[in-house]
Amino acid sequence: MTLRAPFFRFAPLVLVLFLALSLLPIRPATAVAADDSCVTGRPQATVVSCYFAAINRFDFPTAYSYLGSNERRLQSYDQFVALFDNLAIDDLQITDLQYVREVAIVFVHLVRANTDGSIVTYDGTYTVGDEGDGLHILAHALTLGDSFPA
């Protein structure tokens, strides 16, 4: 079996991602589910986990469907997909969950590895609530953290 050029193109990215993630502090996190049938005692956190699981599978129609009507109104599907042009993988850690009336605020730490080898971190929140047809991401706010160029 011979290895083709595309494999070698991503080898440095894999090495950089491994090294960067191994330097991050270990803290309890909610695992990103392999599929959308993830079940937990915290359904609002599950919505966010499944949202990122869909993004990591490049299943953008499913990821977009987790967004609430206001979030979808703010960006078209094509604009949403364009946000992930350079994405290799998102590593999600759910750090806290707080309930405020009928919604839940899911606190996250996100490490995004890009196909160009750069790594960016974000901290923020996803607000999850019921729009009548199930739980959706009603709003989100992410703050740019550390950035590691390729």
N, C-alpha and C. Protein backbone atom coordinates (compact mmCIF):
# COMPACT_ATOMS: atom_id res chain seq x y z
N MET A 1 0.84 -1.17 0.00
CA MET A 1 0.00 0.00 0.00
C MET A 1 0.89 1.24 0.00
N THR A 2 0.62 2.14 -0.88
CA THR A 2 1.39 3.38 -0.93
C THR A 2 0.56 4.51 -0.35
N LEU A 3 1.22 5.40 0.35
CA LEU A 3 0.55 6.57 0.91
C LEU A 3 0.59 7.68 -0.12
N ARG A 4 -0.52 8.34 -0.25
CA ARG A 4 -0.61 9.41 -1.24
C ARG A 4 -0.37 10.76 -0.58
N ALA A 5 -0.13 11.74 -1.38
CA ALA A 5 0.21 13.08 -0.91
C ALA A 5 -0.80 13.67 0.07
N PRO A 6 -2.13 13.50 -0.10
CA PRO A 6 -3.05 14.11 0.86
C PRO A 6 -2.81 13.66 2.31
N PHE A 7 -2.37 12.42 2.50
CA PHE A 7 -2.08 11.96 3.86
C PHE A 7 -0.97 12.82 4.47
N PHE A 8 0.09 13.03 3.72
CA PHE A 8 1.22 13.79 4.24
C PHE A 8 0.87 15.25 4.47
N ARG A 9 -0.08 15.77 3.72
CA ARG A 9 -0.49 17.16 3.88
C ARG A 9 -1.10 17.38 5.27
N PHE A 10 -1.82 16.38 5.82
CA PHE A 10 -2.49 16.53 7.11
C PHE A 10 -1.67 15.99 8.28
N ALA A 11 -0.56 15.33 8.03
CA ALA A 11 0.25 14.77 9.11
C ALA A 11 0.74 15.85 10.08
N PRO A 12 1.24 17.00 9.62
CA PRO A 12 1.67 18.03 10.58
C PRO A 12 0.50 18.56 11.42
N LEU A 13 -0.69 18.67 10.83
CA LEU A 13 -1.86 19.12 11.57
C LEU A 13 -2.19 18.16 12.70
N VAL A 14 -2.14 16.88 12.42
CA VAL A 14 -2.44 15.88 13.44
C VAL A 14 -1.43 15.97 14.57
N LEU A 15 -0.17 16.13 14.25
CA LEU A 15 0.87 16.24 15.27
C LEU A 15 0.68 17.50 16.11
N VAL A 16 0.43 18.64 15.48
CA VAL A 16 0.23 19.89 16.20
C VAL A 16 -1.01 19.80 17.09
N LEU A 17 -2.10 19.23 16.57
CA LEU A 17 -3.33 19.08 17.35
C LEU A 17 -3.08 18.20 18.56
N PHE A 18 -2.39 17.09 18.38
CA PHE A 18 -2.09 16.18 19.48
C PHE A 18 -1.27 16.90 20.55
N LEU A 19 -0.24 17.61 20.14
CA LEU A 19 0.62 18.30 21.10
C LEU A 19 -0.13 19.41 21.83
N ALA A 20 -0.92 20.18 21.10
CA ALA A 20 -1.65 21.28 21.72
C ALA A 20 -2.69 20.76 22.72
N LEU A 21 -3.42 19.73 22.34
CA LEU A 21 -4.44 19.19 23.22
C LEU A 21 -3.83 18.51 24.44
N SER A 22 -2.65 17.95 24.30
CA SER A 22 -2.01 17.30 25.44
C SER A 22 -1.52 18.30 26.46
N LEU A 23 -1.36 19.57 26.08
CA LEU A 23 -0.91 20.60 27.00
C LEU A 23 -2.05 21.28 27.74
N LEU A 24 -3.29 21.05 27.30
CA LEU A 24 -4.44 21.68 27.94
C LEU A 24 -4.71 21.03 29.29
N PRO A 25 -5.17 21.81 30.27
CA PRO A 25 -5.50 21.22 31.57
C PRO A 25 -6.67 20.26 31.43
N ILE A 26 -6.62 19.20 32.19
CA ILE A 26 -7.71 18.22 32.16
C ILE A 26 -8.77 18.65 33.13
N ARG A 27 -10.01 18.70 32.67
CA ARG A 27 -11.13 19.03 33.54
C ARG A 27 -12.32 18.20 33.12
N PRO A 28 -13.26 17.99 34.01
CA PRO A 28 -14.43 17.18 33.67
C PRO A 28 -15.14 17.80 32.47
N ALA A 29 -15.59 16.94 31.60
CA ALA A 29 -16.27 17.42 30.40
C ALA A 29 -17.33 16.43 29.99
N THR A 30 -18.27 16.93 29.23
CA THR A 30 -19.28 16.07 28.65
C THR A 30 -18.74 15.59 27.32
N ALA A 31 -18.71 14.31 27.12
CA ALA A 31 -18.17 13.76 25.88
C ALA A 31 -19.06 14.13 24.71
N VAL A 32 -18.43 14.39 23.58
CA VAL A 32 -19.18 14.64 22.36
C VAL A 32 -19.67 13.30 21.83
N ALA A 33 -20.93 13.22 21.59
CA ALA A 33 -21.53 11.96 21.18
C ALA A 33 -21.15 11.60 19.75
N ALA A 34 -21.10 10.31 19.49
CA ALA A 34 -20.77 9.84 18.15
C ALA A 34 -21.94 9.99 17.20
N ASP A 35 -23.14 10.05 17.73
CA ASP A 35 -24.32 10.22 16.89
C ASP A 35 -25.35 11.06 17.63
N ASP A 36 -26.47 11.30 16.97
CA ASP A 36 -27.47 12.18 17.54
C ASP A 36 -28.42 11.47 18.49
N SER A 37 -28.16 10.23 18.84
CA SER A 37 -29.02 9.53 19.78
C SER A 37 -28.44 9.60 21.19
N CYS A 38 -27.52 10.54 21.42
CA CYS A 38 -26.89 10.65 22.73
C CYS A 38 -27.96 10.95 23.77
N VAL A 39 -27.87 10.28 24.91
CA VAL A 39 -28.85 10.43 25.97
C VAL A 39 -28.11 10.75 27.26
N THR A 40 -28.61 11.71 27.99
CA THR A 40 -28.03 12.07 29.27
C THR A 40 -29.12 12.61 30.16
N GLY A 41 -28.82 12.77 31.41
CA GLY A 41 -29.78 13.36 32.33
C GLY A 41 -29.88 14.87 32.16
N ARG A 42 -29.04 15.44 31.30
CA ARG A 42 -29.02 16.88 31.06
C ARG A 42 -29.31 17.13 29.58
N PRO A 43 -30.58 17.11 29.18
CA PRO A 43 -30.89 17.21 27.74
C PRO A 43 -30.41 18.50 27.10
N GLN A 44 -30.34 19.59 27.85
CA GLN A 44 -29.87 20.85 27.24
C GLN A 44 -28.40 20.73 26.87
N ALA A 45 -27.60 20.09 27.72
CA ALA A 45 -26.19 19.88 27.39
C ALA A 45 -26.06 18.92 26.21
N THR A 46 -26.98 17.96 26.12
CA THR A 46 -26.96 17.01 25.01
C THR A 46 -27.17 17.72 23.68
N VAL A 47 -28.03 18.72 23.65
CA VAL A 47 -28.27 19.47 22.41
C VAL A 47 -26.96 20.08 21.92
N VAL A 48 -26.20 20.69 22.83
CA VAL A 48 -24.94 21.32 22.44
C VAL A 48 -23.92 20.26 22.02
N SER A 49 -23.85 19.15 22.76
CA SER A 49 -22.93 18.07 22.40
C SER A 49 -23.27 17.50 21.03
N CYS A 50 -24.52 17.25 20.79
CA CYS A 50 -24.93 16.69 19.50
C CYS A 50 -24.72 17.69 18.36
N TYR A 51 -24.89 18.96 18.64
CA TYR A 51 -24.63 20.01 17.65
C TYR A 51 -23.17 19.94 17.19
N PHE A 52 -22.24 19.85 18.15
CA PHE A 52 -20.83 19.78 17.78
C PHE A 52 -20.45 18.42 17.20
N ALA A 53 -21.13 17.36 17.62
CA ALA A 53 -20.88 16.05 17.01
C ALA A 53 -21.24 16.09 15.53
N ALA A 54 -22.35 16.74 15.21
CA ALA A 54 -22.76 16.87 13.80
C ALA A 54 -21.76 17.72 13.02
N ILE A 55 -21.28 18.80 13.62
CA ILE A 55 -20.27 19.64 12.96
C ILE A 55 -19.01 18.83 12.69
N ASN A 56 -18.57 18.06 13.67
CA ASN A 56 -17.35 17.26 13.50
C ASN A 56 -17.51 16.17 12.45
N ARG A 57 -18.75 15.75 12.18
CA ARG A 57 -19.01 14.79 11.10
C ARG A 57 -19.22 15.50 9.77
N PHE A 58 -19.14 16.83 9.79
CA PHE A 58 -19.43 17.66 8.62
C PHE A 58 -20.86 17.43 8.13
N ASP A 59 -21.75 17.12 9.07
CA ASP A 59 -23.17 16.93 8.80
C ASP A 59 -23.86 18.26 9.12
N PHE A 60 -23.67 19.22 8.23
CA PHE A 60 -24.14 20.57 8.49
C PHE A 60 -25.66 20.71 8.49
N PRO A 61 -26.41 19.94 7.69
CA PRO A 61 -27.87 20.05 7.81
C PRO A 61 -28.36 19.68 9.22
N THR A 62 -27.80 18.64 9.82
CA THR A 62 -28.19 18.25 11.17
C THR A 62 -27.77 19.31 12.17
N ALA A 63 -26.53 19.80 12.06
CA ALA A 63 -26.06 20.84 12.98
C ALA A 63 -26.95 22.07 12.89
N TYR A 64 -27.28 22.49 11.68
CA TYR A 64 -28.11 23.67 11.48
C TYR A 64 -29.50 23.47 12.08
N SER A 65 -29.99 22.24 12.06
CA SER A 65 -31.33 21.97 12.60
C SER A 65 -31.38 22.13 14.12
N TYR A 66 -30.23 22.08 14.79
CA TYR A 66 -30.21 22.31 16.24
C TYR A 66 -30.38 23.79 16.59
N LEU A 67 -30.18 24.67 15.63
CA LEU A 67 -30.31 26.10 15.89
C LEU A 67 -31.78 26.49 15.96
N GLY A 68 -32.09 27.38 16.88
CA GLY A 68 -33.45 27.90 17.00
C GLY A 68 -33.79 28.83 15.86
N SER A 69 -35.05 29.22 15.79
CA SER A 69 -35.52 30.03 14.67
C SER A 69 -34.80 31.38 14.60
N ASN A 70 -34.51 32.00 15.74
CA ASN A 70 -33.81 33.29 15.71
C ASN A 70 -32.37 33.13 15.21
N GLU A 71 -31.68 32.08 15.65
CA GLU A 71 -30.31 31.83 15.18
C GLU A 71 -30.30 31.56 13.66
N ARG A 72 -31.30 30.82 13.17
CA ARG A 72 -31.37 30.55 11.72
C ARG A 72 -31.72 31.82 10.95
N ARG A 73 -32.49 32.70 11.58
CA ARG A 73 -32.84 33.96 10.93
C ARG A 73 -31.61 34.87 10.80
N LEU A 74 -30.68 34.77 11.75
CA LEU A 74 -29.48 35.61 11.73
C LEU A 74 -28.46 35.18 10.68
N GLN A 75 -28.52 33.90 10.27
CA GLN A 75 -27.58 33.43 9.26
C GLN A 75 -28.23 32.34 8.42
N SER A 76 -28.04 32.45 7.13
CA SER A 76 -28.58 31.44 6.23
C SER A 76 -27.79 30.15 6.39
N TYR A 77 -28.30 29.09 5.83
CA TYR A 77 -27.59 27.81 5.87
C TYR A 77 -26.21 27.93 5.21
N ASP A 78 -26.15 28.60 4.06
CA ASP A 78 -24.87 28.76 3.35
C ASP A 78 -23.86 29.56 4.18
N GLN A 79 -24.32 30.60 4.87
CA GLN A 79 -23.44 31.37 5.74
C GLN A 79 -22.95 30.49 6.90
N PHE A 80 -23.83 29.67 7.44
CA PHE A 80 -23.48 28.76 8.53
C PHE A 80 -22.38 27.79 8.08
N VAL A 81 -22.57 27.17 6.93
CA VAL A 81 -21.59 26.20 6.41
C VAL A 81 -20.24 26.88 6.16
N ALA A 82 -20.27 28.11 5.68
CA ALA A 82 -19.03 28.84 5.38
C ALA A 82 -18.18 29.06 6.63
N LEU A 83 -18.79 29.06 7.81
CA LEU A 83 -18.04 29.24 9.06
C LEU A 83 -17.05 28.10 9.30
N PHE A 84 -17.27 26.97 8.65
CA PHE A 84 -16.47 25.78 8.91
C PHE A 84 -15.58 25.39 7.73
N ASP A 85 -15.32 26.34 6.82
CA ASP A 85 -14.48 26.07 5.65
C ASP A 85 -13.11 25.53 6.02
N ASN A 86 -12.54 26.01 7.10
CA ASN A 86 -11.17 25.68 7.47
C ASN A 86 -11.11 24.70 8.65
N LEU A 87 -12.26 24.14 9.04
CA LEU A 87 -12.33 23.30 10.23
C LEU A 87 -11.76 21.91 10.00
N ALA A 88 -10.92 21.46 10.94
CA ALA A 88 -10.50 20.05 10.98
C ALA A 88 -11.32 19.32 12.02
N ILE A 89 -11.38 19.87 13.25
CA ILE A 89 -12.18 19.27 14.32
C ILE A 89 -12.38 20.28 15.44
N ASP A 90 -13.52 20.17 16.11
CA ASP A 90 -13.81 20.95 17.31
C ASP A 90 -13.79 20.01 18.50
N ASP A 91 -13.07 20.39 19.54
CA ASP A 91 -13.05 19.62 20.78
C ASP A 91 -13.84 20.42 21.81
N LEU A 92 -14.98 19.88 22.22
CA LEU A 92 -15.91 20.58 23.10
C LEU A 92 -15.79 20.07 24.53
N GLN A 93 -15.74 21.00 25.47
CA GLN A 93 -15.85 20.67 26.88
C GLN A 93 -16.99 21.49 27.46
N ILE A 94 -17.95 20.81 28.05
CA ILE A 94 -19.04 21.50 28.74
C ILE A 94 -18.59 21.68 30.18
N THR A 95 -18.46 22.94 30.59
CA THR A 95 -17.88 23.23 31.89
C THR A 95 -18.91 23.52 32.97
N ASP A 96 -20.13 23.90 32.57
CA ASP A 96 -21.16 24.19 33.57
C ASP A 96 -22.52 24.24 32.87
N LEU A 97 -23.55 24.12 33.67
CA LEU A 97 -24.92 24.18 33.16
C LEU A 97 -25.74 24.90 34.22
N GLN A 98 -26.40 25.99 33.82
CA GLN A 98 -27.23 26.75 34.76
C GLN A 98 -28.60 26.96 34.15
N TYR A 99 -29.63 26.83 34.98
CA TYR A 99 -31.00 27.02 34.52
C TYR A 99 -31.49 28.40 34.92
N VAL A 100 -32.09 29.09 33.96
CA VAL A 100 -32.68 30.40 34.20
C VAL A 100 -34.08 30.37 33.60
N ARG A 101 -35.05 30.26 34.46
CA ARG A 101 -36.46 30.13 34.06
C ARG A 101 -36.64 28.94 33.13
N GLU A 102 -37.10 29.17 31.91
CA GLU A 102 -37.38 28.05 31.00
C GLU A 102 -36.21 27.66 30.12
N VAL A 103 -35.07 28.28 30.29
CA VAL A 103 -33.93 27.97 29.43
C VAL A 103 -32.75 27.50 30.27
N ALA A 104 -31.80 26.90 29.61
CA ALA A 104 -30.56 26.49 30.26
C ALA A 104 -29.40 27.19 29.56
N ILE A 105 -28.43 27.58 30.33
CA ILE A 105 -27.22 28.19 29.79
C ILE A 105 -26.11 27.16 29.94
N VAL A 106 -25.58 26.72 28.81
CA VAL A 106 -24.54 25.71 28.77
C VAL A 106 -23.21 26.43 28.56
N PHE A 107 -22.32 26.32 29.54
CA PHE A 107 -21.00 26.96 29.46
C PHE A 107 -20.03 26.00 28.80
N VAL A 108 -19.26 26.51 27.84
CA VAL A 108 -18.36 25.65 27.07
C VAL A 108 -16.95 26.22 26.97
N HIS A 109 -16.02 25.31 26.77
CA HIS A 109 -14.66 25.64 26.36
C HIS A 109 -14.45 24.84 25.07
N LEU A 110 -14.03 25.51 24.03
CA LEU A 110 -13.93 24.91 22.71
C LEU A 110 -12.53 25.08 22.17
N VAL A 111 -11.95 24.00 21.68
CA VAL A 111 -10.65 24.05 21.01
C VAL A 111 -10.91 23.65 19.56
N ARG A 112 -10.62 24.56 18.65
CA ARG A 112 -10.86 24.31 17.23
C ARG A 112 -9.52 24.16 16.52
N ALA A 113 -9.33 23.01 15.89
CA ALA A 113 -8.16 22.78 15.04
C ALA A 113 -8.59 23.02 13.60
N ASN A 114 -7.80 23.79 12.89
CA ASN A 114 -8.11 24.12 11.51
C ASN A 114 -7.23 23.35 10.55
N THR A 115 -7.68 23.24 9.31
CA THR A 115 -6.95 22.47 8.31
C THR A 115 -5.60 23.11 7.96
N ASP A 116 -5.42 24.38 8.27
CA ASP A 116 -4.13 25.02 8.00
C ASP A 116 -3.12 24.79 9.13
N GLY A 117 -3.54 24.03 10.15
CA GLY A 117 -2.65 23.71 11.26
C GLY A 117 -2.79 24.64 12.45
N SER A 118 -3.54 25.72 12.31
CA SER A 118 -3.72 26.64 13.44
C SER A 118 -4.74 26.06 14.43
N ILE A 119 -4.62 26.51 15.66
CA ILE A 119 -5.53 26.08 16.72
C ILE A 119 -6.02 27.33 17.43
N VAL A 120 -7.32 27.39 17.69
CA VAL A 120 -7.95 28.53 18.33
C VAL A 120 -8.84 28.02 19.45
N THR A 121 -8.85 28.74 20.58
CA THR A 121 -9.74 28.36 21.67
C THR A 121 -10.82 29.42 21.86
N TYR A 122 -11.96 28.98 22.35
CA TYR A 122 -13.08 29.86 22.64
C TYR A 122 -13.68 29.46 23.98
N ASP A 123 -14.22 30.42 24.68
CA ASP A 123 -15.02 30.18 25.87
C ASP A 123 -16.33 30.92 25.68
N GLY A 124 -17.40 30.33 26.18
CA GLY A 124 -18.67 31.02 26.02
C GLY A 124 -19.85 30.20 26.48
N THR A 125 -21.01 30.61 25.98
CA THR A 125 -22.25 29.98 26.39
C THR A 125 -23.15 29.69 25.19
N TYR A 126 -23.97 28.68 25.36
CA TYR A 126 -25.05 28.36 24.44
C TYR A 126 -26.33 28.33 25.26
N THR A 127 -27.31 29.11 24.87
CA THR A 127 -28.59 29.13 25.55
C THR A 127 -29.52 28.16 24.84
N VAL A 128 -30.06 27.21 25.59
CA VAL A 128 -30.89 26.15 25.02
C VAL A 128 -32.28 26.21 25.64
N GLY A 129 -33.29 26.15 24.79
CA GLY A 129 -34.66 26.17 25.27
C GLY A 129 -35.59 25.50 24.29
N ASP A 130 -36.83 25.36 24.70
CA ASP A 130 -37.84 24.69 23.88
C ASP A 130 -38.59 25.72 23.05
N GLU A 131 -38.68 25.47 21.77
CA GLU A 131 -39.43 26.36 20.87
C GLU A 131 -40.77 25.75 20.49
N GLY A 132 -41.22 24.75 21.23
CA GLY A 132 -42.49 24.12 20.92
C GLY A 132 -42.33 22.82 20.19
N ASP A 133 -41.25 22.67 19.43
CA ASP A 133 -41.00 21.42 18.70
C ASP A 133 -39.75 20.73 19.21
N GLY A 134 -39.35 21.04 20.42
CA GLY A 134 -38.17 20.42 21.00
C GLY A 134 -37.13 21.46 21.39
N LEU A 135 -36.04 20.97 21.98
CA LEU A 135 -34.97 21.85 22.43
C LEU A 135 -34.11 22.31 21.26
N HIS A 136 -33.75 23.59 21.29
CA HIS A 136 -32.91 24.19 20.26
C HIS A 136 -31.93 25.15 20.90
N ILE A 137 -30.87 25.48 20.17
CA ILE A 137 -29.94 26.51 20.59
C ILE A 137 -30.57 27.85 20.23
N LEU A 138 -30.93 28.61 21.26
CA LEU A 138 -31.62 29.88 21.05
C LEU A 138 -30.66 31.04 20.83
N ALA A 139 -29.47 30.94 21.44
CA ALA A 139 -28.46 32.00 21.30
C ALA A 139 -27.12 31.42 21.70
N HIS A 140 -26.08 32.09 21.27
CA HIS A 140 -24.74 31.70 21.70
C HIS A 140 -23.85 32.93 21.76
N ALA A 141 -22.85 32.86 22.61
CA ALA A 141 -21.88 33.95 22.74
C ALA A 141 -20.52 33.31 23.02
N LEU A 142 -19.59 33.48 22.11
CA LEU A 142 -18.25 32.91 22.27
C LEU A 142 -17.23 34.04 22.28
N THR A 143 -16.24 33.89 23.15
CA THR A 143 -15.15 34.85 23.24
C THR A 143 -13.88 34.14 22.78
N LEU A 144 -13.15 34.80 21.90
CA LEU A 144 -11.89 34.25 21.40
C LEU A 144 -10.88 34.16 22.54
N GLY A 145 -10.26 33.00 22.66
CA GLY A 145 -9.24 32.79 23.69
C GLY A 145 -7.86 32.77 23.05
N ASP A 146 -7.10 31.74 23.36
CA ASP A 146 -5.75 31.61 22.83
C ASP A 146 -5.80 31.22 21.36
N SER A 147 -4.76 31.61 20.65
CA SER A 147 -4.63 31.28 19.24
C SER A 147 -3.20 30.81 18.98
N PHE A 148 -3.08 29.69 18.30
CA PHE A 148 -1.77 29.13 17.98
C PHE A 148 -1.66 29.03 16.47
N PRO A 149 -0.88 29.89 15.84
CA PRO A 149 -0.77 29.85 14.38
C PRO A 149 -0.10 28.56 13.90
N ALA A 150 -0.33 28.29 12.66
CA ALA A 150 0.24 27.07 12.05
C ALA A 150 1.74 27.19 11.93
